[in-house]
Each structure stands twice: as structure tokens, then as C-alpha cells.
Protein backbone atom coordinates (compact mmCIF):
# COMPACT_ATOMS: atom_id res chain seq x y z
CA MET A 1 -86.60 65.42 53.97
CA CYS A 2 -82.88 65.62 54.95
CA LYS A 3 -81.14 62.70 55.75
CA GLY A 4 -80.18 60.97 59.23
CA PRO A 5 -76.74 61.45 61.24
CA HIS A 6 -73.34 62.47 59.02
CA ALA A 7 -70.29 60.98 58.93
CA ARG A 8 -67.91 63.48 60.49
CA ALA A 9 -64.05 63.85 60.38
CA PRO A 10 -62.15 63.17 63.70
CA VAL A 11 -62.21 65.90 66.56
CA ARG A 12 -59.16 67.26 67.60
CA HIS A 13 -59.07 68.70 71.34
CA HIS A 14 -57.60 72.45 71.53
CA GLY A 15 -58.69 73.48 74.27
CA GLU A 16 -62.53 73.81 75.48
CA VAL A 17 -64.00 74.80 72.23
CA THR A 18 -63.34 71.72 69.72
CA SER A 19 -65.78 71.66 66.24
CA PRO A 20 -65.26 68.69 63.48
CA ARG A 21 -62.30 70.04 60.44
CA PRO A 22 -63.32 68.61 57.48
CA SER A 23 -61.52 70.49 53.96
CA SER A 24 -65.32 71.75 52.41
CA ARG A 25 -68.16 72.11 54.69
CA PRO A 26 -71.20 74.48 53.57
CA ALA A 27 -71.56 77.97 55.75
CA VAL A 28 -73.78 77.87 58.47
CA ARG A 29 -77.61 79.11 57.40
CA LEU A 30 -79.38 78.07 59.78
CA ILE A 31 -78.83 77.71 64.59
CA ALA A 32 -80.80 75.17 66.22
CA THR A 33 -79.96 75.79 69.70
CA ASP A 34 -81.47 73.47 73.49
CA LEU A 35 -82.60 76.76 76.05
CA ASP A 36 -82.36 74.98 79.77
CA GLY A 37 -78.98 74.09 79.87
CA THR A 38 -77.61 75.31 76.80
CA LEU A 39 -78.85 78.45 75.86
CA LEU A 40 -80.09 80.12 79.12
CA ARG A 41 -77.38 79.92 82.05
CA ASP A 42 -78.69 78.03 85.33
CA ASP A 43 -80.74 81.34 86.78
CA LYS A 44 -82.93 80.91 83.95
CA SER A 45 -81.69 84.41 82.11
CA VAL A 46 -79.64 85.41 78.82
CA SER A 47 -76.37 86.82 79.03
CA GLU A 48 -76.24 90.32 77.29
CA ARG A 49 -72.85 87.99 75.64
CA THR A 50 -75.64 85.95 74.15
CA VAL A 51 -78.42 88.75 72.99
CA ALA A 52 -75.59 89.81 71.24
CA ALA A 53 -75.04 86.83 69.49
CA LEU A 54 -78.22 86.20 68.41
CA ALA A 55 -78.66 89.61 66.85
CA ALA A 56 -75.45 89.24 65.24
CA ALA A 57 -76.34 86.05 63.71
CA GLU A 58 -79.66 87.27 62.06
CA ARG A 59 -78.18 90.12 60.96
CA ALA A 60 -75.47 88.05 59.03
CA GLY A 61 -78.40 85.86 57.77
CA ILE A 62 -78.44 82.77 59.61
CA GLU A 63 -81.93 81.98 61.24
CA VAL A 64 -81.78 80.96 64.44
CA PHE A 65 -84.33 78.36 65.54
CA PHE A 66 -84.78 77.70 69.65
CA VAL A 67 -85.71 73.76 70.01
CA THR A 68 -87.33 73.01 73.51
CA GLY A 69 -88.45 70.62 75.91
CA ARG A 70 -90.56 73.77 77.21
CA PRO A 71 -94.38 74.33 76.71
CA ALA A 72 -94.67 76.94 74.51
CA ARG A 73 -96.07 79.18 77.80
CA TRP A 74 -92.70 79.04 79.34
CA MET A 75 -91.35 80.76 76.21
CA ASP A 76 -91.52 84.18 77.95
CA VAL A 77 -87.38 83.96 78.90
CA VAL A 78 -86.55 84.56 74.96
CA SER A 79 -89.65 85.19 73.04
CA ALA A 80 -87.99 88.74 72.93
CA HIS A 81 -84.54 87.89 71.61
CA VAL A 82 -86.49 85.73 68.95
CA HIS A 83 -85.85 87.79 65.41
CA GLY A 84 -87.06 87.48 61.73
CA HIS A 85 -89.49 84.38 61.88
CA GLY A 86 -90.07 84.16 65.77
CA LEU A 87 -90.61 80.56 65.20
CA ALA A 88 -89.61 77.89 68.21
CA ILE A 89 -89.57 74.51 68.14
CA CYS A 90 -91.64 73.32 71.89
CA ALA A 91 -92.03 70.18 73.68
CA ASN A 92 -89.31 67.97 72.06
CA GLY A 93 -90.79 68.51 69.22
CA ALA A 94 -94.61 67.94 68.97
CA ALA A 95 -95.20 71.85 68.71
CA VAL A 96 -93.76 74.99 66.44
CA VAL A 97 -95.38 77.98 67.87
CA ASP A 98 -95.22 81.62 66.09
CA LEU A 99 -93.54 83.67 69.42
CA HIS A 100 -94.43 86.70 67.80
CA ALA A 101 -97.85 85.44 68.28
CA GLY A 102 -97.96 85.38 72.20
CA GLY A 103 -97.03 81.62 71.37
CA THR A 104 -99.93 80.62 68.88
CA PHE A 105 -99.22 76.67 67.97
CA LEU A 106 -98.43 76.58 63.82
CA GLU A 107 -98.11 72.61 64.10
CA VAL A 108 -99.05 70.51 66.50
CA ARG A 109 -97.72 66.60 66.76
CA ALA A 110 -99.82 64.94 69.13
CA LEU A 111 -99.23 61.92 71.21
CA PRO A 112 -102.55 59.58 70.31
CA ARG A 113 -104.08 59.06 73.59
CA PRO A 114 -104.75 54.98 73.24
CA ALA A 115 -100.88 55.03 72.58
CA ALA A 116 -100.38 57.29 75.89
CA LEU A 117 -102.53 54.97 77.89
CA ASP A 118 -100.95 52.27 76.46
CA VAL A 119 -97.69 53.90 78.12
CA VAL A 120 -99.30 54.39 80.99
CA ARG A 121 -99.99 50.71 81.78
CA ALA A 122 -96.76 49.43 80.37
CA LEU A 123 -94.88 51.78 82.62
CA ARG A 124 -96.96 51.28 85.78
CA ALA A 125 -95.76 47.47 85.20
CA ALA A 126 -92.57 47.70 84.33
CA ALA A 127 -91.65 50.49 87.11
CA PRO A 128 -94.54 50.61 90.10
CA GLY A 129 -94.40 53.89 91.58
CA THR A 130 -94.05 55.71 88.06
CA SER A 131 -96.78 58.91 88.34
CA PHE A 132 -97.74 60.66 85.18
CA ALA A 133 -98.15 64.16 84.37
CA VAL A 134 -100.15 65.05 80.72
CA GLU A 135 -99.26 68.25 78.72
CA LEU A 136 -102.08 69.68 76.48
CA THR A 137 -102.27 72.39 74.29
CA THR A 138 -104.10 74.15 76.79
CA GLY A 139 -101.86 73.21 79.98
CA ILE A 140 -100.53 70.31 82.24
CA HIS A 141 -102.38 68.53 84.46
CA TYR A 142 -101.12 65.51 86.70
CA GLU A 143 -101.54 62.79 88.69
CA PRO A 144 -101.94 63.14 92.73
CA LEU A 145 -98.82 61.71 93.37
CA TYR A 146 -96.24 63.22 90.65
CA PRO A 147 -94.37 66.56 91.90
CA PRO A 148 -96.70 69.20 91.67
CA PHE A 149 -96.35 72.26 89.12
CA TYR A 150 -96.30 75.75 90.90
CA LEU A 151 -96.06 77.45 87.52
CA ASP A 152 -99.65 75.96 86.85
CA PRO A 153 -101.87 76.16 89.54
CA GLY A 154 -105.19 75.52 87.59
CA ALA A 155 -103.80 72.41 86.50
CA THR A 156 -106.10 69.05 87.49
CA VAL A 157 -105.29 66.41 89.25
CA ALA A 158 -106.33 63.01 88.44
CA THR A 159 -105.78 59.62 87.51
CA ALA A 160 -103.74 59.19 83.82
CA GLU A 161 -106.50 57.34 82.90
CA LYS A 162 -108.99 60.05 83.84
CA LEU A 163 -106.74 62.57 82.28
CA LEU A 164 -106.06 61.39 79.16
CA TYR A 165 -110.33 60.16 78.53
CA GLU A 166 -112.23 61.69 75.68
CA GLU A 167 -115.67 60.71 75.52
CA THR A 168 -115.89 61.26 71.36
CA PRO A 169 -112.43 60.36 69.96
CA GLY A 170 -110.01 64.08 68.75
CA ALA A 171 -112.20 66.42 70.94
CA ALA A 172 -110.45 67.07 73.32
CA ALA A 173 -107.58 69.50 73.56
CA PRO A 174 -104.23 67.07 71.63
CA VAL A 175 -101.86 65.43 73.60
CA LEU A 176 -97.93 67.23 73.32
CA LYS A 177 -96.44 64.60 75.83
CA LEU A 178 -96.70 62.44 78.89
CA LEU A 179 -94.33 62.59 81.58
CA ALA A 180 -93.52 59.71 83.76
CA GLN A 181 -91.70 60.55 87.45
CA HIS A 182 -90.29 57.92 89.44
CA PRO A 183 -89.40 58.88 93.73
CA ASP A 184 -86.36 55.91 93.16
CA LEU A 185 -85.09 54.87 89.92
CA ASP A 186 -81.87 56.52 88.59
CA PRO A 187 -82.74 58.66 85.78
CA ASP A 188 -80.40 57.13 82.98
CA VAL A 189 -81.97 53.43 84.39
CA PHE A 190 -85.78 54.93 84.08
CA LEU A 191 -85.01 55.90 80.97
CA ALA A 192 -83.60 52.48 80.20
CA THR A 193 -86.64 50.61 81.77
CA ALA A 194 -89.29 52.49 79.71
CA ARG A 195 -88.19 52.51 76.60
CA GLN A 196 -87.55 48.07 76.65
CA ALA A 197 -91.63 48.08 78.46
CA ALA A 198 -93.13 50.29 75.32
CA GLY A 199 -90.57 52.01 73.38
CA ASP A 200 -92.72 50.75 70.38
CA LEU A 201 -95.92 52.80 71.28
CA ALA A 202 -93.99 55.74 71.98
CA SER A 203 -91.30 58.07 71.98
CA PHE A 204 -89.08 58.50 75.53
CA THR A 205 -86.04 61.07 76.41
CA ARG A 206 -85.06 62.69 79.19
CA SER A 207 -83.79 66.61 80.43
CA SER A 208 -84.49 66.53 84.06
CA PRO A 209 -81.64 65.34 86.23
CA THR A 210 -84.15 63.40 88.07
CA ALA A 211 -86.25 59.96 86.96
CA LEU A 212 -88.43 62.00 84.84
CA ILE A 213 -89.03 60.75 81.29
CA GLU A 214 -91.05 62.45 78.66
CA ILE A 215 -92.97 60.42 76.00
CA SER A 216 -93.52 62.22 72.79
CA ALA A 217 -95.59 60.21 69.63
CA LEU A 218 -93.55 57.75 67.85
CA GLY A 219 -90.92 59.36 65.52
CA VAL A 220 -91.85 63.05 67.17
CA SER A 221 -88.30 64.64 68.36
CA LYS A 222 -86.57 67.74 68.37
CA ALA A 223 -84.50 65.99 65.15
CA SER A 224 -87.50 65.32 63.22
CA THR A 225 -89.44 68.66 63.64
CA LEU A 226 -86.27 70.50 63.19
CA ALA A 227 -85.47 68.52 59.82
CA LEU A 228 -88.95 69.01 58.63
CA CYS A 229 -88.72 72.97 59.51
CA CYS A 230 -85.88 72.83 57.59
CA ALA A 231 -86.58 71.32 54.54
CA GLU A 232 -89.45 73.88 53.98
CA ARG A 233 -86.33 76.41 53.52
CA GLY A 234 -84.21 74.52 51.95
CA ILE A 235 -81.96 73.80 54.35
CA THR A 236 -79.65 70.72 54.49
CA ALA A 237 -78.12 69.07 57.97
CA ASP A 238 -74.91 69.80 56.51
CA GLU A 239 -75.93 74.00 56.86
CA VAL A 240 -77.42 73.41 60.58
CA ALA A 241 -75.33 73.78 63.94
CA ALA A 242 -76.59 72.26 66.37
CA PHE A 243 -76.59 73.04 70.35
CA GLY A 244 -77.47 70.73 73.50
CA ASP A 245 -76.71 69.04 77.06
CA MET A 246 -79.16 66.46 77.88
CA PRO A 247 -80.56 63.29 76.05
CA ASN A 248 -83.35 64.82 74.48
CA ASP A 249 -80.81 66.96 72.44
CA ILE A 250 -78.80 63.74 70.73
CA GLU A 251 -80.84 62.98 67.80
CA MET A 252 -80.76 66.84 67.13
CA LEU A 253 -77.53 66.98 67.56
CA SER A 254 -76.23 63.77 65.43
CA TRP A 255 -78.88 64.80 62.66
CA ALA A 256 -77.21 68.65 62.46
CA GLY A 257 -74.20 68.80 60.41
CA ARG A 258 -72.11 71.09 63.14
CA SER A 259 -73.27 70.16 66.67
CA TYR A 260 -71.37 71.21 69.86
CA ALA A 261 -72.41 69.58 73.38
CA MET A 262 -72.07 72.08 76.36
CA GLY A 263 -69.44 72.17 78.79
CA ASN A 264 -71.52 70.91 81.70
CA ALA A 265 -73.16 68.12 78.85
CA HIS A 266 -74.58 64.39 79.90
CA PRO A 267 -71.57 62.06 78.78
CA GLU A 268 -73.45 60.79 76.16
CA VAL A 269 -74.70 64.08 74.71
CA ILE A 270 -70.53 64.42 74.29
CA ALA A 271 -70.63 61.55 72.03
CA ALA A 272 -73.14 62.08 70.09
CA ALA A 273 -71.70 66.00 69.35
CA SER A 274 -69.14 66.55 66.78
CA GLY A 275 -67.89 69.33 68.70
CA ARG A 276 -67.77 70.92 72.08
CA THR A 277 -67.83 74.40 73.74
CA VAL A 278 -67.94 75.86 77.24
CA GLY A 279 -70.55 75.81 80.00
CA ASN A 280 -73.98 77.19 79.91
CA ASN A 281 -72.75 79.68 82.43
CA GLU A 282 -70.11 80.71 80.63
CA ASP A 283 -72.02 81.31 77.73
CA GLY A 284 -70.62 78.64 75.22
CA VAL A 285 -73.29 79.10 72.56
CA ALA A 286 -72.40 82.69 71.80
CA VAL A 287 -68.63 81.74 71.91
CA VAL A 288 -69.50 79.21 68.64
CA ILE A 289 -71.89 81.87 67.26
CA GLU A 290 -69.04 84.39 67.17
CA GLN A 291 -66.34 81.64 65.48
CA LEU A 292 -69.25 80.67 63.02
CA ILE A 293 -69.54 84.23 61.82
CA ALA A 294 -65.97 85.35 61.96
CA GLU A 295 -65.33 82.01 59.72
CA ALA A 296 -68.06 83.53 57.59
CA ALA A 297 -66.87 87.41 57.10
CA GLU A 298 -63.41 85.10 56.38
CA THR A 299 -65.12 83.42 54.07
CA GLN A 300 -66.44 86.20 51.96
CA ALA A 301 -63.15 87.71 52.44
CA ALA A 302 -61.39 84.88 50.74
CA GLU A 303 -63.75 84.77 47.55
CA ALA A 304 -64.34 88.71 47.02
CA GLU A 305 -60.38 88.32 47.18
CA VAL A 306 -60.15 85.56 44.75
CA ALA A 307 -62.95 87.33 42.18
CA ALA A 308 -61.05 90.65 42.00
CA GLU A 309 -57.72 88.23 41.26
CA THR A 310 -60.35 86.70 38.10
CA GLY A 311 -61.21 89.96 37.31
CA ALA A 312 -58.01 91.89 37.24
CA ALA A 313 -56.76 88.55 34.90
CA ALA A 314 -59.70 88.74 32.82
CA ALA A 315 -59.04 92.38 32.13
CA GLU A 316 -55.42 92.31 31.43
CA ALA A 317 -56.04 89.18 29.28
CA ALA A 318 -58.83 91.57 27.22
CA GLU A 319 -55.81 94.13 27.48
CA ALA A 320 -53.23 92.08 25.69
CA GLN A 321 -55.39 90.53 23.21
CA THR A 322 -56.53 94.38 22.25
CA ALA A 323 -52.71 95.57 22.15
CA ARG A 324 -51.83 92.71 19.81
CA PRO A 325 -51.09 93.88 15.98
């Protein structure tokens, strides 16, 4: 498995797009990008420039992974733009799905129901007024006071305790994540409160501008699942470029050898990333991908030139050796 956060050279800011400038770094073999607020524009579209950049990356031999908090059923917006492997990491690392096969689950890192129930009890005590939703592999269900999901009209409405109950342990659908919403608290204060109250039970993060926390199994994150996928491909963290905008991207940006916070990113995300690009509405991911491809082309051209010079020198030396009496 790939190691944790890497030391980086200082970032020098020249305009809006910045990146670390070490003297030597491996070529990028995999791009990992968040979707909402990152790859997608605010209207949830994928721009023509971004579509072209993703296709160009694949042609250049660079794998692209979409790494998102979204459930698999909300991946239609990008499913047409997954080339090659067809895989995506969903639900903040709780699932790896095959978008070429309609979002089929290939790997699930479930939140144990007993742990989820313990989290519910802890947050009810620490932040009265909290309401919950339960994201399963089969869909989402939520409490009466939880803001309704209009995209999921078939959801069951009941208390979290009832939603998480199962007569036979392991018989019910796996829990991908638990969501907790508070009507009044500041989003960052709510996240800090939840981590203090139950940080030993599960992993807590957030991606919404409101006080909405996303809760996964302990140790599950975008970063940890991405690391597993990379290890299977023989790709190291130094060969990964990652993009994100919200706190649920921080671990992934800290892990990747090159990481870019969007121009619209949360302050903590900007602090965690080694570089920065322009905002999602300005196609910030595409801007960097174009730079990476150009950089790779320059490197290949330089290597070819060196090889040609080396070959010419060797031929000249051989000719001189042959010409000796």
C-alpha cells in the first residue's frame, strides 16, 4: 500500500495555476478528480474543454479515476466520459463501481451497523437536533426531520435506529455511509463536534456548504480506497495527480504526489494541496491536464533527443575505432 503524505518543495505562485517544483519527479500515470465543485461546473455539466482533456489524458496513457462522495446512482453525469477501465470511487471511498456496467459494485467497504448506531447515539447527545440519513448500496433512507431527497422518491422515512436495525447480522444491504444534518450549527463546528464525540467509531468528513456530515467506516476515505486501486496497478502516490475542493478531498490531496486545490476550494483544502488551479467554472481540472500532457510530451521529446545524440556518439566512436590501422 502507498505511504502517507509526502514532503513537497515550496509552491511558488505565478498567476492562478501553481504546482510544486521539485528538481525531479516521476511522470503522472493516474489522475484522480473529485466531481462536484471540481470537475463539474456549478450547473453540474462537464464542459467541452474538460471532455477533450479527459480523452487526451487517456490517449496519453494516463488513467483517470473519478473519486466522489456521490452514490453510484448519481454518476450518469460522467459515465460517458470514463474511458478504459470504466471504474469510479464513490461514497467517499466506500465503493468502487464499474460505470461501464451501469454502476455495478465491485468493492464495498461498509460501515458496520453497530458502529453506525453508536455514532447516532453519540451525535444525538453531542449535538441535539441532528437528523440522519442512511445510504445503502440499494438507495438512501432518512429520518422525518432530515431534508428530503427529491431524487430518491422511493426512500423509507423512519428513525435512524429503525433504518439501521437488522434481524440477522449481515443479512441487510451494506451501509455505505451515514449522513448527519444539523439545522443551526456552522458546518466546520459541526464536523469538529462530531469528530470529538465519535471519532473513534467512524470516519467523519463533509462536502456540503451546509452542516451536513458524511460518515464512513473507520479508515475509509477517498484517499485510502484510491491508494488500494493504485497499488493494484503498480502506481505509487508520486505518480498521481489529484484535484478537489472540499474537506472530503483533503486526505486524497495530501496523499497524492501532485495535488491541486480548485480556485473555489475550502481554505483547509488549499492548505493541504501542493498546487492550485482556477475554479471549476473555469475548467480548472482541464487547465492542469493540458499542462501535464504538454509536460509529458516535452519530456518524451527531450528523452528522444538524448537517445539520438547518444546513438550518434556511439556510432561515431565505432566508426573511429574501425578506421584505426
